[in-house]
Amino acid sequence: MKNMLILFKRELMGYFETPVAYVFIVVFLLLSGIFTFYVGKFYDSGQADLTSFFMWHPWLYIFLMPALAMRLWSEEFRLGTIELIMTLPIKPWQAVIGKYLAAWAFAAIALVFTFPLWITVCYLGKPDNIAIFSGYIGSLLVSGGMLAIGSCMSSLTRNQVVAFVLAATVCFLFTLSGFPLVLDFFTSLGLPQVMVDTISSFGFITHFDKMYKGLIGLDNLVFYTSLISLCLFLNIVIVNTRRA
C-alpha cells in the first residue's frame, strides 16, 4: 500500500507540473458554466436547484475523462517507462490502481471548483441540499466510471489519440444505452422487455438521473462499483500481458 500511495502522489503532482491540469480545469469550469447558465437556462427555470448543472455532466465527461485518461498507460508504453515502473518494488495491480486513483482525485479537484454554484443557489433560494450532495456523488461516480474505461483503453495502445477515440466511443455507447431513443429502437426490433431493461441498466444517464434528483440507490452504487472494478481488472490483465 505504501508503494501505491507513493505512485499515487507522484501521478497526482505530475498533473500540476504541466499546463495540462490548469487547462483541463479551466475548460471544465467554462463548459459547465455555459451549459448551466446558457443551454440549461439556470435563471429562467425559476427553481433553486442545480439540475441544469448536473444534467450535462455525462455528456461533458464523454470527452473530458478520456482526455484525462488517455496518457495514463499509452505514454508509458510509448516512452518505454513502463519497464522502469515495473522494476520498482510495486506490483502491477498497485500501479494500475495508483495511477487510476490519481486521475480520479484530479477529476474530483476539478469538481470541487464548482462549489461556488452551490453557494449561489443557496443564496438565491432554499434548495434541496441532500439532492445537490447526491448529485455531486453521482457526478464523481460517473467520472470514475469513464476514467476506468479510459485507463483500460489507454493500456491497449501507445498512441494517445487512439486511446482517446476508443475511450470516448465506449463512454458514448454506455451513455446512449440508457437513452429513450435507443431503448425504443431495441423495443421496435421485438426484443423482450427484460433485454431492453438490461440494456437500459448499463446506461450512465439511467443511474445518474436518479442520483442528482436525490436518490442514491444500492443499484446505482453497485453499477458504478462493478464497472470500475471490471475495467481496472481488465487494465491489470492488459498491462501484465503487454509487459510479458
Protein backbone atom coordinates (compact mmCIF):
# COMPACT_ATOMS: atom_id res chain seq x y z
CA MET A 1 0.00 0.00 0.00
CA LYS A 2 2.89 2.34 0.73
CA ASN A 3 4.30 1.92 -2.77
CA MET A 4 0.87 2.50 -4.30
CA LEU A 5 0.50 5.68 -2.25
CA ILE A 6 3.89 6.91 -3.47
CA LEU A 7 2.88 6.31 -7.09
CA PHE A 8 -0.48 7.99 -6.43
CA LYS A 9 1.23 11.14 -5.10
CA ARG A 10 3.72 11.17 -7.98
CA GLU A 11 1.00 10.89 -10.60
CA LEU A 12 -1.26 13.48 -8.95
CA MET A 13 1.54 16.01 -8.57
CA GLY A 14 2.54 15.29 -12.15
CA TYR A 15 -0.73 16.77 -13.38
CA PHE A 16 0.06 20.12 -11.77
CA GLU A 17 3.62 20.23 -13.08
CA THR A 18 2.33 20.86 -16.60
CA PRO A 19 -0.21 23.30 -18.04
CA VAL A 20 -2.49 20.34 -18.82
CA ALA A 21 -4.06 20.38 -15.36
CA TYR A 22 -4.89 24.05 -15.43
CA VAL A 23 -6.20 23.92 -18.99
CA PHE A 24 -8.40 20.95 -18.08
CA ILE A 25 -9.87 22.70 -15.02
CA VAL A 26 -10.50 25.95 -16.93
CA VAL A 27 -12.16 24.11 -19.82
CA PHE A 28 -14.31 22.07 -17.42
CA LEU A 29 -15.44 25.14 -15.49
CA LEU A 30 -16.04 27.12 -18.67
CA LEU A 31 -18.12 24.40 -20.31
CA SER A 32 -20.02 23.74 -17.08
CA GLY A 33 -20.90 27.43 -16.85
CA ILE A 34 -22.02 27.62 -20.49
CA PHE A 35 -24.23 24.54 -20.23
CA THR A 36 -25.64 25.59 -16.85
CA PHE A 37 -26.44 29.23 -17.49
CA TYR A 38 -26.98 29.41 -21.24
CA VAL A 39 -28.02 25.98 -22.50
CA GLY A 40 -29.67 24.85 -19.26
CA LYS A 41 -31.11 28.37 -18.61
CA PHE A 42 -30.38 28.32 -14.90
CA TYR A 43 -32.03 31.66 -14.12
CA ASP A 44 -35.04 31.13 -16.37
CA SER A 45 -36.05 27.93 -14.59
CA GLY A 46 -37.14 29.86 -11.51
CA GLN A 47 -36.08 26.99 -9.25
CA ALA A 48 -33.34 26.90 -6.64
CA ASP A 49 -31.59 23.69 -7.71
CA LEU A 50 -28.63 22.52 -9.77
CA THR A 51 -30.50 20.31 -12.22
CA SER A 52 -29.30 22.41 -15.17
CA PHE A 53 -25.75 21.94 -13.88
CA PHE A 54 -25.70 18.19 -13.27
CA MET A 55 -27.76 17.03 -16.24
CA TRP A 56 -24.95 17.84 -18.69
CA HIS A 57 -22.12 16.16 -16.80
CA PRO A 58 -22.24 12.75 -18.54
CA TRP A 59 -22.06 14.48 -21.92
CA LEU A 60 -19.13 16.65 -20.86
CA TYR A 61 -17.32 13.69 -19.35
CA ILE A 62 -17.56 11.70 -22.59
CA PHE A 63 -14.75 13.92 -23.92
CA LEU A 64 -13.08 15.26 -20.78
CA MET A 65 -12.46 11.98 -18.94
CA PRO A 66 -10.94 10.14 -21.94
CA ALA A 67 -8.74 13.20 -22.49
CA LEU A 68 -7.59 12.95 -18.88
CA ALA A 69 -7.02 9.19 -19.02
CA MET A 70 -5.51 8.78 -22.48
CA ARG A 71 -1.93 9.30 -21.31
CA LEU A 72 -2.09 7.04 -18.23
CA TRP A 73 -0.61 3.99 -19.95
CA SER A 74 -0.16 4.81 -23.63
CA GLU A 75 2.57 7.31 -22.76
CA GLU A 76 4.33 4.78 -20.53
CA PHE A 77 4.41 2.22 -23.34
CA ARG A 78 5.42 4.78 -25.97
CA LEU A 79 8.35 6.13 -23.95
CA GLY A 80 9.33 2.74 -22.55
CA THR A 81 8.99 3.99 -18.97
CA ILE A 82 6.69 1.05 -18.26
CA GLU A 83 9.82 -1.03 -17.74
CA LEU A 84 11.08 1.45 -15.15
CA ILE A 85 7.77 1.34 -13.26
CA MET A 86 7.73 -2.44 -13.25
CA THR A 87 11.29 -2.64 -11.91
CA LEU A 88 10.20 -0.70 -8.83
CA PRO A 89 9.03 -2.65 -5.76
CA ILE A 90 5.42 -2.32 -6.83
CA LYS A 91 3.02 -4.89 -8.21
CA PRO A 92 1.15 -4.30 -11.50
CA TRP A 93 -2.23 -4.09 -9.77
CA GLN A 94 -0.86 -1.47 -7.40
CA ALA A 95 0.45 0.58 -10.34
CA VAL A 96 -2.90 0.39 -12.15
CA ILE A 97 -4.92 1.39 -9.10
CA GLY A 98 -2.45 4.08 -8.03
CA LYS A 99 -2.46 5.78 -11.44
CA TYR A 100 -6.24 5.48 -11.71
CA LEU A 101 -6.87 6.95 -8.26
CA ALA A 102 -4.57 9.87 -9.06
CA ALA A 103 -6.60 10.68 -12.19
CA TRP A 104 -9.87 10.30 -10.25
CA ALA A 105 -8.59 12.54 -7.46
CA PHE A 106 -7.69 15.18 -10.04
CA ALA A 107 -11.19 14.96 -11.53
CA ALA A 108 -12.60 15.37 -8.01
CA ILE A 109 -10.47 18.50 -7.50
CA ALA A 110 -11.88 19.97 -10.72
CA LEU A 111 -15.40 19.19 -9.48
CA VAL A 112 -14.71 20.89 -6.15
CA PHE A 113 -14.03 24.14 -8.00
CA THR A 114 -17.73 24.23 -8.98
CA PHE A 115 -18.68 24.62 -5.31
CA PRO A 116 -19.49 28.36 -5.75
CA LEU A 117 -22.53 27.24 -7.77
CA TRP A 118 -23.88 25.51 -4.66
CA ILE A 119 -23.30 28.68 -2.65
CA THR A 120 -25.05 30.72 -5.34
CA VAL A 121 -28.15 28.55 -5.40
CA CYS A 122 -28.31 28.62 -1.59
CA TYR A 123 -28.16 32.41 -1.71
CA LEU A 124 -30.95 32.61 -4.31
CA GLY A 125 -33.34 30.25 -2.52
CA LYS A 126 -33.78 27.18 -0.38
CA PRO A 127 -32.53 24.23 -2.43
CA ASP A 128 -32.68 20.55 -1.53
CA ASN A 129 -29.10 20.25 -0.31
CA ILE A 130 -29.38 16.48 0.01
CA ALA A 131 -30.23 16.25 -3.70
CA ILE A 132 -27.30 18.53 -4.58
CA PHE A 133 -24.91 16.47 -2.45
CA SER A 134 -26.25 13.33 -4.09
CA GLY A 135 -25.69 14.95 -7.48
CA TYR A 136 -22.04 15.61 -6.66
CA ILE A 137 -21.59 12.00 -5.55
CA GLY A 138 -23.23 10.82 -8.76
CA SER A 139 -21.07 13.11 -10.88
CA LEU A 140 -17.97 11.81 -9.15
CA LEU A 141 -19.04 8.21 -9.82
CA VAL A 142 -19.75 8.94 -13.49
CA SER A 143 -16.29 10.48 -13.87
CA GLY A 144 -14.78 7.48 -12.08
CA GLY A 145 -16.53 5.05 -14.40
CA MET A 146 -15.40 6.88 -17.52
CA LEU A 147 -11.85 7.24 -16.19
CA ALA A 148 -11.72 3.49 -15.57
CA ILE A 149 -12.80 2.91 -19.16
CA GLY A 150 -10.23 5.45 -20.34
CA SER A 151 -7.44 3.85 -18.33
CA CYS A 152 -8.30 0.44 -19.77
CA MET A 153 -8.33 1.78 -23.34
CA SER A 154 -5.05 3.62 -22.73
CA SER A 155 -3.34 0.34 -21.87
CA LEU A 156 -4.26 -1.07 -25.29
CA THR A 157 -2.19 1.31 -27.41
CA ARG A 158 0.88 3.52 -27.46
CA ASN A 159 -0.99 6.28 -29.28
CA GLN A 160 -2.79 8.78 -27.05
CA VAL A 161 -5.15 9.86 -29.83
CA VAL A 162 -6.22 6.27 -30.44
CA ALA A 163 -6.69 5.78 -26.70
CA PHE A 164 -8.87 8.90 -26.57
CA VAL A 165 -11.04 7.83 -29.51
CA LEU A 166 -11.52 4.32 -28.11
CA ALA A 167 -12.41 5.58 -24.64
CA ALA A 168 -14.74 8.32 -25.92
CA THR A 169 -16.54 5.81 -28.14
CA VAL A 170 -17.08 3.30 -25.32
CA CYS A 171 -18.20 6.05 -22.93
CA PHE A 172 -20.58 7.38 -25.57
CA LEU A 173 -22.14 3.93 -26.04
CA PHE A 174 -22.57 3.49 -22.28
CA THR A 175 -24.22 6.91 -22.09
CA LEU A 176 -26.57 6.26 -25.01
CA SER A 177 -27.61 2.81 -23.76
CA GLY A 178 -29.99 4.41 -21.27
CA PHE A 179 -31.35 6.97 -23.73
CA PRO A 180 -35.08 6.60 -24.61
CA LEU A 181 -34.37 6.79 -28.36
CA VAL A 182 -32.01 3.81 -28.13
CA LEU A 183 -34.38 1.81 -25.94
CA ASP A 184 -37.27 2.49 -28.32
CA PHE A 185 -35.10 1.23 -31.18
CA PHE A 186 -34.43 -2.09 -29.44
CA THR A 187 -38.09 -2.38 -28.48
CA SER A 188 -39.07 -1.91 -32.14
CA LEU A 189 -36.80 -4.83 -33.02
CA GLY A 190 -39.05 -7.06 -30.93
CA LEU A 191 -36.59 -7.71 -28.12
CA PRO A 192 -38.14 -8.92 -24.85
CA GLN A 193 -38.66 -6.19 -22.28
CA VAL A 194 -36.22 -7.88 -19.92
CA MET A 195 -33.43 -7.45 -22.51
CA VAL A 196 -34.38 -3.82 -23.09
CA ASP A 197 -34.29 -3.22 -19.34
CA THR A 198 -30.87 -4.86 -19.19
CA ILE A 199 -29.55 -2.55 -21.90
CA SER A 200 -31.01 0.41 -20.02
CA SER A 201 -29.30 -0.69 -16.80
CA PHE A 202 -25.90 -0.17 -18.45
CA GLY A 203 -26.58 3.49 -19.16
CA PHE A 204 -24.74 6.20 -17.27
CA ILE A 205 -27.73 8.50 -17.59
CA THR A 206 -30.13 5.88 -16.23
CA HIS A 207 -28.27 5.79 -12.92
CA PHE A 208 -27.09 9.38 -12.81
CA ASP A 209 -30.56 10.88 -13.33
CA LYS A 210 -31.72 9.27 -10.11
CA MET A 211 -28.73 10.49 -8.16
CA TYR A 212 -28.89 14.19 -8.98
CA LYS A 213 -32.56 14.03 -8.02
CA GLY A 214 -31.56 12.86 -4.55
CA LEU A 215 -31.95 9.08 -4.91
CA ILE A 216 -28.74 7.20 -4.12
CA GLY A 217 -29.91 3.63 -4.58
CA LEU A 218 -27.94 0.47 -3.97
CA ASP A 219 -28.33 -0.44 -7.66
CA ASN A 220 -26.59 2.79 -8.68
CA LEU A 221 -23.65 2.20 -6.35
CA VAL A 222 -23.36 -1.44 -7.44
CA PHE A 223 -23.37 -0.44 -11.12
CA TYR A 224 -20.54 2.09 -10.84
CA THR A 225 -18.52 -0.06 -8.44
CA SER A 226 -18.85 -3.09 -10.71
CA LEU A 227 -17.97 -1.11 -13.84
CA ILE A 228 -14.89 0.45 -12.26
CA SER A 229 -13.76 -2.90 -10.82
CA LEU A 230 -14.21 -4.70 -14.16
CA CYS A 231 -12.33 -2.05 -16.14
CA LEU A 232 -9.46 -1.96 -13.66
CA PHE A 233 -9.26 -5.76 -13.68
CA LEU A 234 -9.03 -5.74 -17.49
CA ASN A 235 -6.49 -2.93 -17.21
CA ILE A 236 -4.30 -5.08 -14.96
CA VAL A 237 -4.59 -8.09 -17.29
CA ILE A 238 -3.67 -5.99 -20.34
CA VAL A 239 -0.68 -4.37 -18.62
CA ASN A 240 0.59 -7.77 -17.49
CA THR A 241 0.11 -9.22 -20.99
CA ARG A 242 1.82 -6.36 -22.81
CA ARG A 243 4.63 -6.33 -20.29
CA ALA A 244 5.23 -10.04 -20.89
